[in-house]
Amino acid sequence: MRTVPLRIANQKFSKLVQEVENGQEFLITRRGRPIAELVPHRADKTTDPNWNAAFRQMMTRLREGASLGGLRIDRDEIHER
């Protein structure tokens, strides 16, 4: 993520937007302090391979339950089903 002062971001906004369309991310600062991020829009997180991998891993762990030193806790026990 590149850092850009607010004054420059205002002056070159169209150019920054073009770069964001190509995947670049910007941290906009005022007097050296972060105030905003300009990042590509991610309309559907399910198309992100990293998100999908994390979701599958989470669902597998939920189905298997968690082991706490021999005590097995699964989703049904948590919700008392």
PDB file of N, CA and C in Angstrom:
ATOM      1  N   MET A   1       0.853  -1.170   0.000  1.00  0.00           N
ATOM      2  CA  MET A   1       0.000   0.000   0.000  1.00  0.00           C
ATOM      3  C   MET A   1       0.898   1.231   0.000  1.00  0.00           C
ATOM      4  N   ARG A   2       0.661   2.088  -0.959  1.00  0.00           N
ATOM      5  CA  ARG A   2       1.454   3.312  -1.058  1.00  0.00           C
ATOM      6  C   ARG A   2       0.798   4.431  -0.260  1.00  0.00           C
ATOM      7  N   THR A   3       1.616   5.304   0.307  1.00  0.00           N
ATOM      8  CA  THR A   3       1.123   6.441   1.087  1.00  0.00           C
ATOM      9  C   THR A   3       1.144   7.685   0.218  1.00  0.00           C
ATOM     10  N   VAL A   4       0.029   8.440   0.282  1.00  0.00           N
ATOM     11  CA  VAL A   4      -0.105   9.651  -0.518  1.00  0.00           C
ATOM     12  C   VAL A   4      -0.671  10.761   0.367  1.00  0.00           C
ATOM     13  N   PRO A   5      -0.018  11.932   0.395  1.00  0.00           N
ATOM     14  CA  PRO A   5      -0.591  13.052   1.154  1.00  0.00           C
ATOM     15  C   PRO A   5      -1.920  13.505   0.524  1.00  0.00           C
ATOM     16  N   LEU A   6      -2.817  13.999   1.351  1.00  0.00           N
ATOM     17  CA  LEU A   6      -4.142  14.417   0.889  1.00  0.00           C
ATOM     18  C   LEU A   6      -4.056  15.434  -0.243  1.00  0.00           C
ATOM     19  N   ARG A   7      -3.142  16.374  -0.149  1.00  0.00           N
ATOM     20  CA  ARG A   7      -3.006  17.397  -1.194  1.00  0.00           C
ATOM     21  C   ARG A   7      -2.717  16.759  -2.547  1.00  0.00           C
ATOM     22  N   ILE A   8      -1.816  15.802  -2.578  1.00  0.00           N
ATOM     23  CA  ILE A   8      -1.482  15.109  -3.834  1.00  0.00           C
ATOM     24  C   ILE A   8      -2.666  14.267  -4.299  1.00  0.00           C
ATOM     25  N   ALA A   9      -3.340  13.609  -3.363  1.00  0.00           N
ATOM     26  CA  ALA A   9      -4.506  12.795  -3.722  1.00  0.00           C
ATOM     27  C   ALA A   9      -5.569  13.661  -4.376  1.00  0.00           C
ATOM     28  N   ASN A  10      -5.784  14.869  -3.866  1.00  0.00           N
ATOM     29  CA  ASN A  10      -6.758  15.777  -4.471  1.00  0.00           C
ATOM     30  C   ASN A  10      -6.325  16.188  -5.868  1.00  0.00           C
ATOM     31  N   GLN A  11      -5.064  16.498  -6.038  1.00  0.00           N
ATOM     32  CA  GLN A  11      -4.554  16.965  -7.320  1.00  0.00           C
ATOM     33  C   GLN A  11      -4.541  15.869  -8.384  1.00  0.00           C
ATOM     34  N   LYS A  12      -4.328  14.627  -7.979  1.00  0.00           N
ATOM     35  CA  LYS A  12      -4.155  13.532  -8.943  1.00  0.00           C
ATOM     36  C   LYS A  12      -5.185  12.427  -8.742  1.00  0.00           C
ATOM     37  N   PHE A  13      -6.375  12.810  -8.322  1.00  0.00           N
ATOM     38  CA  PHE A  13      -7.386  11.814  -7.980  1.00  0.00           C
ATOM     39  C   PHE A  13      -7.688  10.862  -9.140  1.00  0.00           C
ATOM     40  N   SER A  14      -7.865  11.381 -10.340  1.00  0.00           N
ATOM     41  CA  SER A  14      -8.183  10.529 -11.500  1.00  0.00           C
ATOM     42  C   SER A  14      -7.083   9.506 -11.754  1.00  0.00           C
ATOM     43  N   LYS A  15      -5.836   9.940 -11.640  1.00  0.00           N
ATOM     44  CA  LYS A  15      -4.709   9.022 -11.839  1.00  0.00           C
ATOM     45  C   LYS A  15      -4.700   7.943 -10.756  1.00  0.00           C
ATOM     46  N   LEU A  16      -4.969   8.338  -9.511  1.00  0.00           N
ATOM     47  CA  LEU A  16      -5.011   7.357  -8.423  1.00  0.00           C
ATOM     48  C   LEU A  16      -6.126   6.335  -8.661  1.00  0.00           C
ATOM     49  N   VAL A  17      -7.277   6.799  -9.114  1.00  0.00           N
ATOM     50  CA  VAL A  17      -8.396   5.887  -9.380  1.00  0.00           C
ATOM     51  C   VAL A  17      -8.020   4.899 -10.476  1.00  0.00           C
ATOM     52  N   GLN A  18      -7.327   5.365 -11.510  1.00  0.00           N
ATOM     53  CA  GLN A  18      -6.879   4.452 -12.565  1.00  0.00           C
ATOM     54  C   GLN A  18      -5.954   3.381 -11.995  1.00  0.00           C
ATOM     55  N   GLU A  19      -5.061   3.778 -11.100  1.00  0.00           N
ATOM     56  CA  GLU A  19      -4.146   2.812 -10.498  1.00  0.00           C
ATOM     57  C   GLU A  19      -4.897   1.840  -9.593  1.00  0.00           C
ATOM     58  N   VAL A  20      -5.912   2.326  -8.891  1.00  0.00           N
ATOM     59  CA  VAL A  20      -6.730   1.454  -8.040  1.00  0.00           C
ATOM     60  C   VAL A  20      -7.457   0.427  -8.903  1.00  0.00           C
ATOM     61  N   GLU A  21      -7.917   0.830 -10.069  1.00  0.00           N
ATOM     62  CA  GLU A  21      -8.570  -0.109 -10.984  1.00  0.00           C
ATOM     63  C   GLU A  21      -7.623  -1.231 -11.390  1.00  0.00           C
ATOM     64  N   ASN A  22      -6.330  -0.953 -11.359  1.00  0.00           N
ATOM     65  CA  ASN A  22      -5.320  -1.957 -11.696  1.00  0.00           C
ATOM     66  C   ASN A  22      -4.814  -2.714 -10.469  1.00  0.00           C
ATOM     67  N   GLY A  23      -5.468  -2.506  -9.323  1.00  0.00           N
ATOM     68  CA  GLY A  23      -5.129  -3.275  -8.135  1.00  0.00           C
ATOM     69  C   GLY A  23      -4.286  -2.569  -7.084  1.00  0.00           C
ATOM     70  N   GLN A  24      -3.834  -1.365  -7.360  1.00  0.00           N
ATOM     71  CA  GLN A  24      -3.011  -0.626  -6.401  1.00  0.00           C
ATOM     72  C   GLN A  24      -3.870  -0.138  -5.230  1.00  0.00           C
ATOM     73  N   GLU A  25      -3.273  -0.024  -4.053  1.00  0.00           N
ATOM     74  CA  GLU A  25      -3.961   0.490  -2.873  1.00  0.00           C
ATOM     75  C   GLU A  25      -3.187   1.685  -2.330  1.00  0.00           C
ATOM     76  N   PHE A  26      -3.927   2.685  -1.804  1.00  0.00           N
ATOM     77  CA  PHE A  26      -3.302   3.898  -1.293  1.00  0.00           C
ATOM     78  C   PHE A  26      -3.791   4.209   0.108  1.00  0.00           C
ATOM     79  N   LEU A  27      -2.874   4.688   0.932  1.00  0.00           N
ATOM     80  CA  LEU A  27      -3.195   5.215   2.247  1.00  0.00           C
ATOM     81  C   LEU A  27      -3.065   6.727   2.128  1.00  0.00           C
ATOM     82  N   ILE A  28      -4.147   7.430   2.373  1.00  0.00           N
ATOM     83  CA  ILE A  28      -4.148   8.888   2.247  1.00  0.00           C
ATOM     84  C   ILE A  28      -3.914   9.479   3.635  1.00  0.00           C
ATOM     85  N   THR A  29      -2.962  10.422   3.708  1.00  0.00           N
ATOM     86  CA  THR A  29      -2.595  11.008   4.992  1.00  0.00           C
ATOM     87  C   THR A  29      -2.812  12.519   4.983  1.00  0.00           C
ATOM     88  N   ARG A  30      -3.033  13.051   6.172  1.00  0.00           N
ATOM     89  CA  ARG A  30      -3.086  14.504   6.377  1.00  0.00           C
ATOM     90  C   ARG A  30      -2.090  14.802   7.484  1.00  0.00           C
ATOM     91  N   ARG A  31      -1.105  15.623   7.163  1.00  0.00           N
ATOM     92  CA  ARG A  31      -0.035  15.966   8.118  1.00  0.00           C
ATOM     93  C   ARG A  31       0.620  14.716   8.694  1.00  0.00           C
ATOM     94  N   GLY A  32       0.780  13.699   7.834  1.00  0.00           N
ATOM     95  CA  GLY A  32       1.461  12.480   8.226  1.00  0.00           C
ATOM     96  C   GLY A  32       0.604  11.447   8.945  1.00  0.00           C
ATOM     97  N   ARG A  33      -0.652  11.800   9.236  1.00  0.00           N
ATOM     98  CA  ARG A  33      -1.539  10.862   9.925  1.00  0.00           C
ATOM     99  C   ARG A  33      -2.496  10.222   8.924  1.00  0.00           C
ATOM    100  N   PRO A  34      -2.676   8.908   8.994  1.00  0.00           N
ATOM    101  CA  PRO A  34      -3.602   8.225   8.082  1.00  0.00           C
ATOM    102  C   PRO A  34      -5.035   8.711   8.299  1.00  0.00           C
ATOM    103  N   ILE A  35      -5.742   8.985   7.189  1.00  0.00           N
ATOM    104  CA  ILE A  35      -7.145   9.401   7.304  1.00  0.00           C
ATOM    105  C   ILE A  35      -8.073   8.553   6.437  1.00  0.00           C
ATOM    106  N   ALA A  36      -7.548   7.894   5.402  1.00  0.00           N
ATOM    107  CA  ALA A  36      -8.416   7.104   4.527  1.00  0.00           C
ATOM    108  C   ALA A  36      -7.584   6.127   3.711  1.00  0.00           C
ATOM    109  N   GLU A  37      -8.277   5.107   3.224  1.00  0.00           N
ATOM    110  CA  GLU A  37      -7.657   4.163   2.306  1.00  0.00           C
ATOM    111  C   GLU A  37      -8.445   4.176   1.007  1.00  0.00           C
ATOM    112  N   LEU A  38      -7.733   4.158  -0.095  1.00  0.00           N
ATOM    113  CA  LEU A  38      -8.339   4.070  -1.418  1.00  0.00           C
ATOM    114  C   LEU A  38      -7.945   2.707  -1.969  1.00  0.00           C
ATOM    115  N   VAL A  39      -8.912   1.785  -2.023  1.00  0.00           N
ATOM    116  CA  VAL A  39      -8.633   0.403  -2.409  1.00  0.00           C
ATOM    117  C   VAL A  39      -9.648  -0.054  -3.449  1.00  0.00           C
ATOM    118  N   PRO A  40      -9.314  -1.091  -4.228  1.00  0.00           N
ATOM    119  CA  PRO A  40     -10.268  -1.619  -5.200  1.00  0.00           C
ATOM    120  C   PRO A  40     -11.515  -2.151  -4.503  1.00  0.00           C
ATOM    121  N   HIS A  41     -12.645  -1.972  -5.140  1.00  0.00           N
ATOM    122  CA  HIS A  41     -13.907  -2.497  -4.622  1.00  0.00           C
ATOM    123  C   HIS A  41     -13.928  -4.005  -4.806  1.00  0.00           C
ATOM    124  N   ARG A  42     -14.313  -4.708  -3.765  1.00  0.00           N
ATOM    125  CA  ARG A  42     -14.433  -6.155  -3.847  1.00  0.00           C
ATOM    126  C   ARG A  42     -15.906  -6.496  -3.707  1.00  0.00           C
ATOM    127  N   ALA A  43     -16.564  -6.616  -4.839  1.00  0.00           N
ATOM    128  CA  ALA A  43     -18.015  -6.790  -4.867  1.00  0.00           C
ATOM    129  C   ALA A  43     -18.460  -8.101  -4.234  1.00  0.00           C
ATOM    130  N   ASP A  44     -17.747  -9.175  -4.508  1.00  0.00           N
ATOM    131  CA  ASP A  44     -18.194 -10.475  -4.030  1.00  0.00           C
ATOM    132  C   ASP A  44     -17.004 -11.215  -3.431  1.00  0.00           C
ATOM    133  N   LYS A  45     -16.955 -11.270  -2.103  1.00  0.00           N
ATOM    134  CA  LYS A  45     -15.817 -11.894  -1.439  1.00  0.00           C
ATOM    135  C   LYS A  45     -15.705 -13.373  -1.747  1.00  0.00           C
ATOM    136  N   THR A  46     -16.793 -14.008  -2.170  1.00  0.00           N
ATOM    137  CA  THR A  46     -16.739 -15.443  -2.439  1.00  0.00           C
ATOM    138  C   THR A  46     -15.920 -15.770  -3.685  1.00  0.00           C
ATOM    139  N   THR A  47     -15.583 -14.777  -4.468  1.00  0.00           N
ATOM    140  CA  THR A  47     -14.727 -15.029  -5.633  1.00  0.00           C
ATOM    141  C   THR A  47     -13.248 -14.941  -5.263  1.00  0.00           C
ATOM    142  N   ASP A  48     -12.953 -14.511  -4.052  1.00  0.00           N
ATOM    143  CA  ASP A  48     -11.574 -14.396  -3.584  1.00  0.00           C
ATOM    144  C   ASP A  48     -11.085 -15.770  -3.127  1.00  0.00           C
ATOM    145  N   PRO A  49     -10.042 -16.318  -3.750  1.00  0.00           N
ATOM    146  CA  PRO A  49      -9.572 -17.651  -3.376  1.00  0.00           C
ATOM    147  C   PRO A  49      -9.114 -17.746  -1.922  1.00  0.00           C
ATOM    148  N   ASN A  50      -8.525 -16.687  -1.384  1.00  0.00           N
ATOM    149  CA  ASN A  50      -8.101 -16.704   0.022  1.00  0.00           C
ATOM    150  C   ASN A  50      -9.308 -16.780   0.951  1.00  0.00           C
ATOM    151  N   TRP A  51     -10.357 -16.042   0.627  1.00  0.00           N
ATOM    152  CA  TRP A  51     -11.566 -16.070   1.439  1.00  0.00           C
ATOM    153  C   TRP A  51     -12.193 -17.462   1.385  1.00  0.00           C
ATOM    154  N   ASN A  52     -12.260 -18.041   0.188  1.00  0.00           N
ATOM    155  CA  ASN A  52     -12.837 -19.380   0.039  1.00  0.00           C
ATOM    156  C   ASN A  52     -12.067 -20.427   0.838  1.00  0.00           C
ATOM    157  N   ALA A  53     -10.744 -20.357   0.812  1.00  0.00           N
ATOM    158  CA  ALA A  53      -9.930 -21.320   1.560  1.00  0.00           C
ATOM    159  C   ALA A  53     -10.167 -21.166   3.054  1.00  0.00           C
ATOM    160  N   ALA A  54     -10.209 -19.935   3.536  1.00  0.00           N
ATOM    161  CA  ALA A  54     -10.448 -19.703   4.960  1.00  0.00           C
ATOM    162  C   ALA A  54     -11.842 -20.162   5.361  1.00  0.00           C
ATOM    163  N   PHE A  55     -12.833 -19.928   4.504  1.00  0.00           N
ATOM    164  CA  PHE A  55     -14.208 -20.341   4.798  1.00  0.00           C
ATOM    165  C   PHE A  55     -14.310 -21.861   4.880  1.00  0.00           C
ATOM    166  N   ARG A  56     -13.697 -22.558   3.917  1.00  0.00           N
ATOM    167  CA  ARG A  56     -13.725 -24.025   3.939  1.00  0.00           C
ATOM    168  C   ARG A  56     -13.051 -24.571   5.196  1.00  0.00           C
ATOM    169  N   GLN A  57     -11.924 -23.974   5.574  1.00  0.00           N
ATOM    170  CA  GLN A  57     -11.209 -24.411   6.767  1.00  0.00           C
ATOM    171  C   GLN A  57     -12.066 -24.185   8.014  1.00  0.00           C
ATOM    172  N   MET A  58     -12.722 -23.037   8.093  1.00  0.00           N
ATOM    173  CA  MET A  58     -13.578 -22.744   9.239  1.00  0.00           C
ATOM    174  C   MET A  58     -14.741 -23.725   9.322  1.00  0.00           C
ATOM    175  N   MET A  59     -15.369 -24.019   8.193  1.00  0.00           N
ATOM    176  CA  MET A  59     -16.505 -24.935   8.189  1.00  0.00           C
ATOM    177  C   MET A  59     -16.070 -26.352   8.567  1.00  0.00           C
ATOM    178  N   THR A  60     -14.894 -26.772   8.126  1.00  0.00           N
ATOM    179  CA  THR A  60     -14.372 -28.089   8.506  1.00  0.00           C
ATOM    180  C   THR A  60     -14.169 -28.161  10.012  1.00  0.00           C
ATOM    181  N   ARG A  61     -13.588 -27.129  10.579  1.00  0.00           N
ATOM    182  CA  ARG A  61     -13.365 -27.106  12.027  1.00  0.00           C
ATOM    183  C   ARG A  61     -14.685 -27.093  12.795  1.00  0.00           C
ATOM    184  N   LEU A  62     -15.678 -26.378  12.283  1.00  0.00           N
ATOM    185  CA  LEU A  62     -16.981 -26.371  12.945  1.00  0.00           C
ATOM    186  C   LEU A  62     -17.609 -27.765  12.936  1.00  0.00           C
ATOM    187  N   ARG A  63     -17.493 -28.464  11.811  1.00  0.00           N
ATOM    188  CA  ARG A  63     -18.069 -29.811  11.718  1.00  0.00           C
ATOM    189  C   ARG A  63     -17.348 -30.803  12.629  1.00  0.00           C
ATOM    190  N   GLU A  64     -16.022 -30.680  12.713  1.00  0.00           N
ATOM    191  CA  GLU A  64     -15.223 -31.605  13.510  1.00  0.00           C
ATOM    192  C   GLU A  64     -15.306 -31.307  14.997  1.00  0.00           C
ATOM    193  N   GLY A  65     -15.584 -30.089  15.361  1.00  0.00           N
ATOM    194  CA  GLY A  65     -15.590 -29.696  16.763  1.00  0.00           C
ATOM    195  C   GLY A  65     -14.185 -29.362  17.225  1.00  0.00           C
ATOM    196  N   ALA A  66     -14.082 -28.828  18.427  1.00  0.00           N
ATOM    197  CA  ALA A  66     -12.789 -28.440  18.991  1.00  0.00           C
ATOM    198  C   ALA A  66     -12.444 -29.348  20.154  1.00  0.00           C
ATOM    199  N   SER A  67     -11.173 -29.656  20.294  1.00  0.00           N
ATOM    200  CA  SER A  67     -10.718 -30.478  21.405  1.00  0.00           C
ATOM    201  C   SER A  67     -10.045 -29.588  22.429  1.00  0.00           C
ATOM    202  N   LEU A  68     -10.521 -29.680  23.674  1.00  0.00           N
ATOM    203  CA  LEU A  68      -9.931 -28.903  24.748  1.00  0.00           C
ATOM    204  C   LEU A  68      -9.388 -29.874  25.796  1.00  0.00           C
ATOM    205  N   GLY A  69      -8.233 -30.449  25.480  1.00  0.00           N
ATOM    206  CA  GLY A  69      -7.608 -31.373  26.406  1.00  0.00           C
ATOM    207  C   GLY A  69      -8.455 -32.607  26.687  1.00  0.00           C
ATOM    208  N   GLY A  70      -9.016 -33.195  25.660  1.00  0.00           N
ATOM    209  CA  GLY A  70      -9.837 -34.384  25.821  1.00  0.00           C
ATOM    210  C   GLY A  70     -11.319 -34.083  25.902  1.00  0.00           C
ATOM    211  N   LEU A  71     -11.676 -32.862  26.270  1.00  0.00           N
ATOM    212  CA  LEU A  71     -13.079 -32.454  26.299  1.00  0.00           C
ATOM    213  C   LEU A  71     -13.458 -31.999  24.900  1.00  0.00           C
ATOM    214  N   ARG A  72     -14.407 -32.662  24.299  1.00  0.00           N
ATOM    215  CA  ARG A  72     -14.790 -32.335  22.933  1.00  0.00           C
ATOM    216  C   ARG A  72     -16.018 -31.429  22.951  1.00  0.00           C
ATOM    217  N   ILE A  73     -15.880 -30.308  22.288  1.00  0.00           N
ATOM    218  CA  ILE A  73     -16.992 -29.366  22.190  1.00  0.00           C
ATOM    219  C   ILE A  73     -17.278 -29.147  20.715  1.00  0.00           C
ATOM    220  N   ASP A  74     -18.525 -29.350  20.329  1.00  0.00           N
ATOM    221  CA  ASP A  74     -18.896 -29.083  18.942  1.00  0.00           C
ATOM    222  C   ASP A  74     -20.030 -28.055  18.922  1.00  0.00           C
ATOM    223  N   ARG A  75     -20.436 -27.709  17.730  1.00  0.00           N
ATOM    224  CA  ARG A  75     -21.429 -26.660  17.535  1.00  0.00           C
ATOM    225  C   ARG A  75     -22.746 -26.974  18.246  1.00  0.00           C
ATOM    226  N   ASP A  76     -23.197 -28.224  18.181  1.00  0.00           N
ATOM    227  CA  ASP A  76     -24.466 -28.590  18.807  1.00  0.00           C
ATOM    228  C   ASP A  76     -24.406 -28.423  20.321  1.00  0.00           C
ATOM    229  N   GLU A  77     -23.285 -28.782  20.923  1.00  0.00           N
ATOM    230  CA  GLU A  77     -23.156 -28.619  22.375  1.00  0.00           C
ATOM    231  C   GLU A  77     -23.149 -27.155  22.779  1.00  0.00           C
ATOM    232  N   ILE A  78     -22.498 -26.334  21.974  1.00  0.00           N
ATOM    233  CA  ILE A  78     -22.461 -24.904  22.280  1.00  0.00           C
ATOM    234  C   ILE A  78     -23.875 -24.338  22.294  1.00  0.00           C
ATOM    235  N   HIS A  79     -24.702 -24.781  21.350  1.00  0.00           N
ATOM    236  CA  HIS A  79     -26.050 -24.238  21.225  1.00  0.00           C
ATOM    237  C   HIS A  79     -27.090 -25.131  21.909  1.00  0.00           C
ATOM    238  N   GLU A  80     -26.616 -26.108  22.677  1.00  0.00           N
ATOM    239  CA  GLU A  80     -27.472 -27.006  23.450  1.00  0.00           C
ATOM    240  C   GLU A  80     -28.592 -27.617  22.622  1.00  0.00           C
ATOM    241  N   ARG A  81     -28.195 -28.269  21.536  1.00  0.00           N
ATOM    242  CA  ARG A  81     -29.202 -28.914  20.672  1.00  0.00           C
ATOM    243  C   ARG A  81     -29.338 -30.349  20.997  1.00  0.00           C
TER     244      ARG A  81
END
